[in-house]
């Protein structure tokens, strides 16, 4: 038996505590962590996914039930996962998370939102009795893999990046709040100008505008083509002048004949009267 002052007993208790610690606290969780990098695993097989935040009281109350439900995942042939929306902002935008906690059921790429009771027993019955079949799946337009939701995810990630930059400007660089807003305003203007130039360039390449080319002045070679109508007009004018001169000539000759005849008649009339006077 160890003496009262021997350190063997406390050492033995300490070793037993270390031996039992992995069994009580170090057990691996059956809940899989879903991130922006591995979220496409949800498109295959059957899943139950929880969207939570560490600061959310309702999420904290749900964690024990969710962990217990995950222990039945292998028996129910369902994968159980969780998403921390404070770290995975892209997924919160991809699934449009507006309330916490939010639970989704996924079966071969079809997503359904779970809105039933949140207990271990209810989760098990939801999978074993296939109650998810009575819920209408999310439209393909608003599915996580659609183009629309991918764009929404990118916007959420951009907003988080802007927030990180804002905190960096204020806390690390020591800029005032208005200085940070000024930087973002200038960046927005420059990005808008660049985007507008790119759109104009693409539009001009795809749909080029029809520009009117200036008409060239007539060259010497093309003068004969334009002078032909002028020559015809001049020839017609000369012909008209010749006709007019001929008519005038005819009219002038007739007038002379009439004048000669009138003069002869007058002489005849004058001749007898002069003879009578002489006699």
Protein backbone atom coordinates (compact mmCIF):
# COMPACT_ATOMS: atom_id res chain seq x y z
CA UNK A 1 0.00 0.00 0.00
CA UNK A 2 1.34 3.43 -0.89
CA UNK A 3 2.23 5.79 1.92
CA UNK A 4 -0.13 8.74 2.54
CA UNK A 5 2.26 11.28 1.12
CA UNK A 6 3.10 9.29 -2.01
CA UNK A 7 2.25 10.93 -5.36
CA UNK A 8 1.23 7.59 -6.89
CA UNK A 9 -2.50 8.01 -6.28
CA UNK A 10 -2.87 11.46 -7.87
CA UNK A 11 -0.77 10.32 -10.80
CA UNK A 12 -2.99 7.27 -11.30
CA UNK A 13 -6.12 9.43 -11.26
CA UNK A 14 -4.58 11.82 -13.77
CA UNK A 15 -3.73 8.95 -16.16
CA UNK A 16 -7.26 7.57 -15.91
CA UNK A 17 -8.70 10.97 -16.74
CA UNK A 18 -6.48 11.31 -19.79
CA UNK A 19 -7.45 7.80 -20.89
CA UNK A 20 -11.15 8.48 -20.63
CA UNK A 21 -11.07 11.94 -22.16
CA UNK A 22 -10.97 10.77 -25.80
CA UNK A 23 -13.94 8.51 -25.18
CA UNK A 24 -16.10 11.28 -23.76
CA UNK A 25 -14.98 14.44 -25.56
CA UNK A 26 -12.76 13.35 -28.42
CA UNK A 27 -15.32 11.25 -30.32
CA UNK A 28 -15.47 12.16 -33.97
CA UNK A 29 -18.69 13.88 -35.00
CA UNK A 30 -20.85 12.18 -37.61
CA UNK A 31 -21.91 15.56 -38.99
CA UNK A 32 -20.00 16.51 -42.10
CA UNK A 33 -18.93 20.09 -42.63
CA UNK A 34 -20.03 21.51 -45.99
CA UNK A 35 -18.06 24.34 -47.58
CA UNK A 36 -17.92 26.21 -50.89
CA UNK A 37 -15.34 23.72 -52.10
CA UNK A 38 -17.22 20.45 -51.46
CA UNK A 39 -20.88 21.48 -51.66
CA UNK A 40 -21.36 19.63 -54.96
CA UNK A 41 -21.24 16.38 -52.98
CA UNK A 42 -24.81 17.24 -52.01
CA UNK A 43 -25.92 16.55 -55.58
CA UNK A 44 -25.31 12.80 -55.13
CA UNK A 45 -27.12 10.58 -52.66
CA UNK A 46 -29.44 11.63 -49.83
CA UNK A 47 -28.57 14.45 -47.47
CA UNK A 48 -29.90 16.46 -44.56
CA UNK A 49 -28.14 19.82 -44.26
CA UNK A 50 -28.37 22.38 -41.48
CA UNK A 51 -27.48 26.04 -41.98
CA UNK A 52 -26.52 27.63 -38.69
CA UNK A 53 -24.52 30.40 -37.06
CA UNK A 54 -22.48 30.02 -33.86
CA UNK A 55 -24.10 33.08 -32.26
CA UNK A 56 -27.69 31.89 -32.93
CA UNK A 57 -29.43 30.61 -29.72
CA UNK A 58 -31.88 28.45 -31.69
CA UNK A 59 -28.98 26.86 -33.55
CA UNK A 60 -27.20 26.15 -30.28
CA UNK A 61 -30.30 24.41 -28.91
CA UNK A 62 -30.57 22.31 -32.09
CA UNK A 63 -26.98 21.04 -32.05
CA UNK A 64 -27.47 18.14 -29.57
CA UNK A 65 -30.49 16.85 -31.51
CA UNK A 66 -28.63 17.21 -34.79
CA UNK A 67 -25.60 15.34 -33.48
CA UNK A 68 -27.81 12.52 -32.17
CA UNK A 69 -29.62 12.33 -35.49
CA UNK A 70 -26.29 12.12 -37.33
CA UNK A 71 -25.48 8.94 -35.36
CA UNK A 72 -28.37 7.26 -37.17
CA UNK A 73 -27.17 8.40 -40.55
CA UNK A 74 -25.43 5.15 -41.42
CA UNK A 75 -28.50 3.07 -40.51
CA UNK A 76 -30.85 5.35 -42.43
CA UNK A 77 -28.41 5.60 -45.37
CA UNK A 78 -28.49 9.37 -45.23
CA UNK A 79 -25.65 11.85 -44.95
CA UNK A 80 -25.94 14.58 -42.32
CA UNK A 81 -24.10 17.86 -42.83
CA UNK A 82 -23.97 21.42 -41.56
CA UNK A 83 -22.97 24.80 -42.98
CA UNK A 84 -21.67 27.73 -40.96
CA UNK A 85 -23.13 30.75 -42.76
CA UNK A 86 -20.69 33.12 -41.08
CA UNK A 87 -17.81 31.42 -42.88
CA UNK A 88 -19.52 30.11 -46.02
CA UNK A 89 -21.29 33.23 -47.28
CA UNK A 90 -21.37 31.85 -50.82
CA UNK A 91 -23.53 28.92 -49.74
CA UNK A 92 -25.86 31.18 -47.78
CA UNK A 93 -26.44 33.12 -50.99
CA UNK A 94 -26.69 29.98 -53.10
CA UNK A 95 -29.47 28.58 -50.88
CA UNK A 96 -31.02 32.01 -50.02
CA UNK A 97 -30.82 31.57 -46.25
CA UNK A 98 -33.11 34.13 -44.61
CA UNK A 99 -33.68 32.42 -41.22
CA UNK A 100 -31.60 30.37 -38.80
CA UNK A 101 -31.45 27.50 -38.43
CA UNK A 102 -32.55 26.34 -41.89
CA UNK A 103 -32.67 22.66 -42.81
CA UNK A 104 -32.73 21.24 -46.33
CA UNK A 105 -33.30 17.70 -47.56
CA UNK A 106 -31.55 16.67 -50.75
CA UNK A 107 -32.17 13.55 -52.79
CA UNK A 108 -30.17 13.09 -56.03
CA UNK A 109 -29.93 16.81 -56.69
CA UNK A 110 -33.51 17.72 -55.69
CA UNK A 111 -33.66 20.10 -52.74
CA UNK A 112 -36.59 20.41 -50.34
CA UNK A 113 -36.86 22.70 -47.36
CA UNK A 114 -37.66 20.97 -44.08
CA UNK A 115 -40.15 22.89 -41.95
CA UNK A 116 -41.26 20.23 -39.46
CA UNK A 117 -40.45 19.70 -35.79
CA UNK A 118 -36.78 19.73 -34.87
CA UNK A 119 -36.18 16.72 -32.73
CA UNK A 120 -34.16 13.56 -33.27
CA UNK A 121 -37.27 11.41 -33.54
CA UNK A 122 -38.89 13.72 -36.09
CA UNK A 123 -35.76 13.75 -38.23
CA UNK A 124 -35.59 9.94 -38.20
CA UNK A 125 -39.27 9.59 -39.12
CA UNK A 126 -38.85 12.15 -41.90
CA UNK A 127 -36.20 9.94 -43.54
CA UNK A 128 -37.44 6.45 -42.69
CA UNK A 129 -41.06 7.10 -43.68
CA UNK A 130 -40.02 9.24 -46.68
CA UNK A 131 -42.12 12.17 -45.63
CA UNK A 132 -40.01 14.35 -47.91
CA UNK A 133 -42.00 13.09 -50.89
CA UNK A 134 -44.95 15.26 -49.83
CA UNK A 135 -42.84 18.43 -50.09
CA UNK A 136 -42.50 20.16 -53.44
CA UNK A 137 -38.85 20.43 -54.51
CA UNK A 138 -37.16 23.72 -55.23
CA UNK A 139 -37.51 24.85 -58.84
CA UNK A 140 -34.58 24.19 -61.12
CA UNK A 141 -34.37 27.94 -61.77
CA UNK A 142 -33.65 28.51 -58.06
CA UNK A 143 -31.66 25.35 -57.49
CA UNK A 144 -28.20 25.71 -55.94
CA UNK A 145 -26.55 24.60 -59.18
CA UNK A 146 -28.42 27.02 -61.46
CA UNK A 147 -26.83 30.02 -63.12
CA UNK A 148 -29.04 32.38 -61.14
CA UNK A 149 -28.02 30.98 -57.77
CA UNK A 150 -24.38 30.83 -58.83
CA UNK A 151 -24.55 34.55 -59.58
CA UNK A 152 -26.21 35.14 -56.22
CA UNK A 153 -23.42 33.21 -54.51
CA UNK A 154 -20.82 35.35 -56.26
CA UNK A 155 -22.60 38.53 -55.09
CA UNK A 156 -22.62 37.30 -51.49
CA UNK A 157 -18.93 36.50 -51.69
CA UNK A 158 -18.25 39.93 -53.19
CA UNK A 159 -20.14 41.61 -50.36
CA UNK A 160 -18.08 39.73 -47.80
CA UNK A 161 -14.89 40.72 -49.61
CA UNK A 162 -15.95 44.38 -49.57
CA UNK A 163 -16.70 44.13 -45.87
CA UNK A 164 -13.27 42.61 -45.22
CA UNK A 165 -11.59 45.40 -47.18
CA UNK A 166 -13.60 48.01 -45.28
CA UNK A 167 -12.45 46.59 -41.95
CA UNK A 168 -8.87 46.48 -43.24
CA UNK A 169 -8.96 50.15 -44.26
CA UNK A 170 -10.38 51.26 -40.92
CA UNK A 171 -8.61 48.99 -38.45
CA UNK A 172 -5.25 48.28 -40.06
CA UNK A 173 -4.62 51.38 -42.19
CA UNK A 174 -6.37 53.77 -39.85
CA UNK A 175 -8.50 55.47 -42.50
CA UNK A 176 -11.67 57.26 -41.40
CA UNK A 177 -15.01 55.82 -42.36
CA UNK A 178 -15.61 58.47 -45.00
CA UNK A 179 -12.16 57.73 -46.47
CA UNK A 180 -13.07 54.06 -46.88
CA UNK A 181 -16.37 55.02 -48.53
CA UNK A 182 -14.49 57.36 -50.88
CA UNK A 183 -12.17 54.55 -51.95
CA UNK A 184 -15.13 52.28 -52.71
CA UNK A 185 -16.93 55.08 -54.59
CA UNK A 186 -13.92 55.67 -56.84
CA UNK A 187 -13.51 51.95 -57.38
CA UNK A 188 -17.19 51.71 -58.35
CA UNK A 189 -16.86 54.56 -60.87
CA UNK A 190 -13.74 53.10 -62.45
CA UNK A 191 -15.22 49.62 -62.67
CA UNK A 192 -18.38 51.08 -64.24
CA UNK A 193 -16.34 52.93 -66.87
CA UNK A 194 -14.31 49.85 -67.70
CA UNK A 195 -17.42 47.69 -67.90
CA UNK A 196 -19.12 50.22 -70.18
CA UNK A 197 -16.12 50.33 -72.51
CA UNK A 198 -16.02 46.56 -72.67
CA UNK A 199 -19.74 46.39 -73.50
CA UNK A 200 -19.39 49.00 -76.24
CA UNK A 201 -16.42 47.13 -77.69
CA UNK A 202 -18.32 43.85 -77.72
CA UNK A 203 -21.40 45.47 -79.23
CA UNK A 204 -19.30 47.08 -81.96
CA UNK A 205 -17.64 43.73 -82.73
CA UNK A 206 -20.89 41.75 -82.80
CA UNK A 207 -23.09 44.37 -84.50
CA UNK A 208 -20.88 46.78 -86.44
CA UNK A 209 -22.58 50.04 -87.44
CA UNK A 210 -23.00 50.92 -91.15
CA UNK A 211 -21.07 54.14 -91.66
CA UNK A 212 -21.84 56.31 -94.71
CA UNK A 213 -18.83 56.71 -96.90
CA UNK A 214 -18.37 60.13 -98.62
CA UNK A 215 -19.16 60.09 -102.33
CA UNK A 216 -16.03 60.59 -104.45
CA UNK A 217 -15.80 63.52 -106.85
CA UNK A 218 -16.27 62.62 -110.54
CA UNK A 219 -12.95 61.92 -112.20
CA UNK A 220 -11.92 62.78 -115.72
CA UNK A 221 -12.73 59.30 -116.91
CA UNK A 222 -16.30 59.67 -115.75
CA UNK A 223 -16.79 63.08 -117.47
CA UNK A 224 -17.85 61.63 -120.86
CA UNK A 225 -20.61 59.70 -119.14
CA UNK A 226 -22.00 62.89 -117.62
CA UNK A 227 -21.31 64.98 -120.80
CA UNK A 228 -23.45 62.79 -123.06
CA UNK A 229 -26.75 64.20 -121.83
CA UNK A 230 -25.34 67.73 -122.13
CA UNK A 231 -24.35 67.12 -125.74
CA UNK A 232 -27.83 65.89 -126.51
CA UNK A 233 -29.33 69.03 -124.98
CA UNK A 234 -27.00 71.26 -126.99
CA UNK A 235 -27.78 69.40 -130.21
CA UNK A 236 -31.51 69.78 -129.57
CA UNK A 237 -31.08 73.50 -128.91
CA UNK A 238 -29.11 73.94 -132.17
CA UNK A 239 -31.76 72.02 -134.10
CA UNK A 240 -34.48 74.26 -132.62
CA UNK A 241 -32.52 77.35 -133.60
CA UNK A 242 -32.10 76.10 -137.16
CA UNK A 243 -35.85 75.44 -137.41
CA UNK A 244 -36.60 78.90 -136.15
CA UNK A 245 -34.19 80.48 -138.66
CA UNK A 246 -35.74 78.52 -141.50
CA UNK A 247 -39.20 79.63 -140.53
CA UNK A 248 -38.04 83.20 -140.28
CA UNK A 249 -36.40 82.92 -143.71
CA UNK A 250 -39.59 81.54 -145.18
CA UNK A 251 -41.63 84.24 -143.55
CA UNK A 252 -39.17 86.92 -144.77
CA UNK A 253 -39.28 85.70 -148.42
CA UNK A 254 -43.07 85.70 -148.50
CA UNK A 255 -43.17 89.21 -147.15
CA UNK A 256 -40.81 90.37 -149.89
CA UNK A 257 -42.99 88.80 -152.59
CA UNK A 258 -46.06 90.51 -151.20
CA UNK A 259 -44.21 93.78 -151.06
CA UNK A 260 -43.10 93.47 -154.73
CA UNK A 261 -46.60 92.60 -155.84
CA UNK A 262 -48.05 95.54 -153.94
CA UNK A 263 -45.43 97.86 -155.45
CA UNK A 264 -46.24 96.65 -158.97
CA UNK A 265 -49.95 97.18 -158.51
CA UNK A 266 -49.32 100.64 -157.19
CA UNK A 267 -47.17 101.53 -160.19
CA UNK A 268 -49.87 100.27 -162.51
CA UNK A 269 -52.43 102.45 -160.76
CA UNK A 270 -50.19 105.48 -160.89
CA UNK A 271 -49.22 105.05 -164.58
CA UNK A 272 -52.64 105.91 -166.32
CA UNK A 273 -53.17 108.88 -164.04
CA UNK A 274 -49.83 110.38 -165.00
CA UNK A 275 -50.61 109.87 -168.70
CA UNK A 276 -53.92 111.69 -168.33
CA UNK A 277 -52.27 114.61 -166.66
CA UNK A 278 -49.70 114.93 -169.45
CA UNK A 279 -52.36 114.99 -172.06
